[in-house]
C-alpha atoms as a PDB file:
ATOM      1  CA  UNK A   1     102.127 107.540  18.759  1.00  0.00           C
ATOM      2  CA  UNK A   2      99.288 106.673  16.389  1.00  0.00           C
ATOM      3  CA  UNK A   3     100.665 109.046  13.755  1.00  0.00           C
ATOM      4  CA  UNK A   4     103.932 107.109  13.517  1.00  0.00           C
ATOM      5  CA  UNK A   5     104.410 105.271  10.224  1.00  0.00           C
ATOM      6  CA  UNK A   6     105.182 101.592  10.907  1.00  0.00           C
ATOM      7  CA  UNK A   7     105.699 100.600   7.278  1.00  0.00           C
ATOM      8  CA  UNK A   8     109.082  99.471   6.012  1.00  0.00           C
ATOM      9  CA  UNK A   9     110.828 100.441   2.807  1.00  0.00           C
ATOM     10  CA  UNK A  10     112.955  98.160   0.603  1.00  0.00           C
ATOM     11  CA  UNK A  11     116.033  98.654   2.782  1.00  0.00           C
ATOM     12  CA  UNK A  12     114.170  97.513   5.918  1.00  0.00           C
ATOM     13  CA  UNK A  13     114.186 100.976   7.489  1.00  0.00           C
ATOM     14  CA  UNK A  14     111.014 101.742   9.417  1.00  0.00           C
ATOM     15  CA  UNK A  15     108.851 104.698   8.386  1.00  0.00           C
ATOM     16  CA  UNK A  16     109.905 108.057   9.779  1.00  0.00           C
ATOM     17  CA  UNK A  17     112.827 106.593  11.727  1.00  0.00           C
ATOM     18  CA  UNK A  18     114.152 105.095   8.491  1.00  0.00           C
ATOM     19  CA  UNK A  19     113.872 108.400   6.685  1.00  0.00           C
ATOM     20  CA  UNK A  20     115.614 110.181   9.545  1.00  0.00           C
ATOM     21  CA  UNK A  21     118.286 107.488   9.544  1.00  0.00           C
ATOM     22  CA  UNK A  22     118.775 107.930   5.802  1.00  0.00           C
ATOM     23  CA  UNK A  23     119.380 111.632   6.369  1.00  0.00           C
ATOM     24  CA  UNK A  24     122.145 110.771   8.821  1.00  0.00           C
ATOM     25  CA  UNK A  25     123.608 108.074   6.600  1.00  0.00           C
ATOM     26  CA  UNK A  26     123.600 110.161   3.412  1.00  0.00           C
ATOM     27  CA  UNK A  27     124.750 113.308   5.219  1.00  0.00           C
ATOM     28  CA  UNK A  28     128.366 112.108   5.056  1.00  0.00           C
ATOM     29  CA  UNK A  29     130.182 112.304   1.758  1.00  0.00           C
ATOM     30  CA  UNK A  30     131.752 108.955   0.797  1.00  0.00           C
ATOM     31  CA  UNK A  31     135.528 108.813   0.489  1.00  0.00           C
ATOM     32  CA  UNK A  32     135.333 106.952  -2.818  1.00  0.00           C
ATOM     33  CA  UNK A  33     132.437 106.135  -5.116  1.00  0.00           C
ATOM     34  CA  UNK A  34     132.353 102.502  -3.997  1.00  0.00           C
ATOM     35  CA  UNK A  35     133.125 103.126  -0.324  1.00  0.00           C
ATOM     36  CA  UNK A  36     130.899 104.402   2.488  1.00  0.00           C
ATOM     37  CA  UNK A  37     132.272 106.138   5.566  1.00  0.00           C
ATOM     38  CA  UNK A  38     132.468 104.180   8.807  1.00  0.00           C
ATOM     39  CA  UNK A  39     130.142 106.628  10.538  1.00  0.00           C
ATOM     40  CA  UNK A  40     127.392 105.839   8.003  1.00  0.00           C
ATOM     41  CA  UNK A  41     127.593 102.167   8.918  1.00  0.00           C
ATOM     42  CA  UNK A  42     127.429 103.025  12.603  1.00  0.00           C
ATOM     43  CA  UNK A  43     124.258 105.096  12.197  1.00  0.00           C
ATOM     44  CA  UNK A  44     122.668 102.446   9.979  1.00  0.00           C
ATOM     45  CA  UNK A  45     123.488  99.767  12.567  1.00  0.00           C
ATOM     46  CA  UNK A  46     122.085 101.838  15.441  1.00  0.00           C
ATOM     47  CA  UNK A  47     118.861 102.621  13.606  1.00  0.00           C
ATOM     48  CA  UNK A  48     118.525  98.981  12.564  1.00  0.00           C
ATOM     49  CA  UNK A  49     118.915  97.862  16.177  1.00  0.00           C
ATOM     50  CA  UNK A  50     116.330 100.405  17.301  1.00  0.00           C
ATOM     51  CA  UNK A  51     113.863  99.313  14.598  1.00  0.00           C
ATOM     52  CA  UNK A  52     114.290  95.651  15.588  1.00  0.00           C
ATOM     53  CA  UNK A  53     113.808  96.454  19.286  1.00  0.00           C
ATOM     54  CA  UNK A  54     110.690  98.488  18.501  1.00  0.00           C
ATOM     55  CA  UNK A  55     109.199  95.702  16.360  1.00  0.00           C
ATOM     56  CA  UNK A  56     109.756  93.233  19.217  1.00  0.00           C
ATOM     57  CA  UNK A  57     108.215  95.638  21.710  1.00  0.00           C
ATOM     58  CA  UNK A  58     105.119  96.255  19.570  1.00  0.00           C
ATOM     59  CA  UNK A  59     104.598  92.543  18.943  1.00  0.00           C
ATOM     60  CA  UNK A  60     104.929  91.726  22.649  1.00  0.00           C
ATOM     61  CA  UNK A  61     102.581  94.580  23.594  1.00  0.00           C
ATOM     62  CA  UNK A  62      99.948  93.516  21.048  1.00  0.00           C
ATOM     63  CA  UNK A  63     100.015  89.880  22.132  1.00  0.00           C
ATOM     64  CA  UNK A  64      99.896  90.782  25.832  1.00  0.00           C
ATOM     65  CA  UNK A  65      96.734  92.813  25.154  1.00  0.00           C
ATOM     66  CA  UNK A  66      94.903  89.668  24.008  1.00  0.00           C
ATOM     67  CA  UNK A  67      92.870  87.633  26.458  1.00  0.00           C
ATOM     68  CA  UNK A  68      93.833  84.063  27.336  1.00  0.00           C
ATOM     69  CA  UNK A  69      90.915  82.843  25.242  1.00  0.00           C
ATOM     70  CA  UNK A  70      92.069  84.827  22.196  1.00  0.00           C
ATOM     71  CA  UNK A  71      95.605  83.524  22.619  1.00  0.00           C
ATOM     72  CA  UNK A  72      94.247  79.967  22.855  1.00  0.00           C
ATOM     73  CA  UNK A  73      92.300  80.532  19.612  1.00  0.00           C
ATOM     74  CA  UNK A  74      95.549  81.252  17.756  1.00  0.00           C
ATOM     75  CA  UNK A  75      97.402  78.426  19.495  1.00  0.00           C
ATOM     76  CA  UNK A  76      99.540  80.456  21.908  1.00  0.00           C
ATOM     77  CA  UNK A  77      99.969  80.791  25.649  1.00  0.00           C
ATOM     78  CA  UNK A  78     101.349  83.714  27.629  1.00  0.00           C
ATOM     79  CA  UNK A  79     104.637  81.815  27.975  1.00  0.00           C
ATOM     80  CA  UNK A  80     105.002  81.801  24.159  1.00  0.00           C
ATOM     81  CA  UNK A  81     104.834  85.586  23.821  1.00  0.00           C
ATOM     82  CA  UNK A  82     108.521  86.448  24.481  1.00  0.00           C
ATOM     83  CA  UNK A  83     109.669  83.767  22.030  1.00  0.00           C
ATOM     84  CA  UNK A  84     107.224  84.851  19.320  1.00  0.00           C
ATOM     85  CA  UNK A  85     108.098  88.529  19.775  1.00  0.00           C
ATOM     86  CA  UNK A  86     111.827  87.899  19.210  1.00  0.00           C
ATOM     87  CA  UNK A  87     111.304  85.996  15.950  1.00  0.00           C
ATOM     88  CA  UNK A  88     112.047  87.797  12.726  1.00  0.00           C
END
């Protein structure tokens, strides 16, 4: 998984998953110039939820890998990790 791009673009879509999501979103022709199809919103919502879940998971995993001493150095305890991971 080291080759995965974790950077975010201006729309908040994460790396490769964001680009894949944009393919799905732009693959449907809009009904009108100012209107997007409902399916595009569904895919954007699903990919956004996945990106948020993955960010939370990576944060939790990184903090859990620290020792108690390292957590104490940054002012955290193990009980703080789930709360910190869910913050945006």
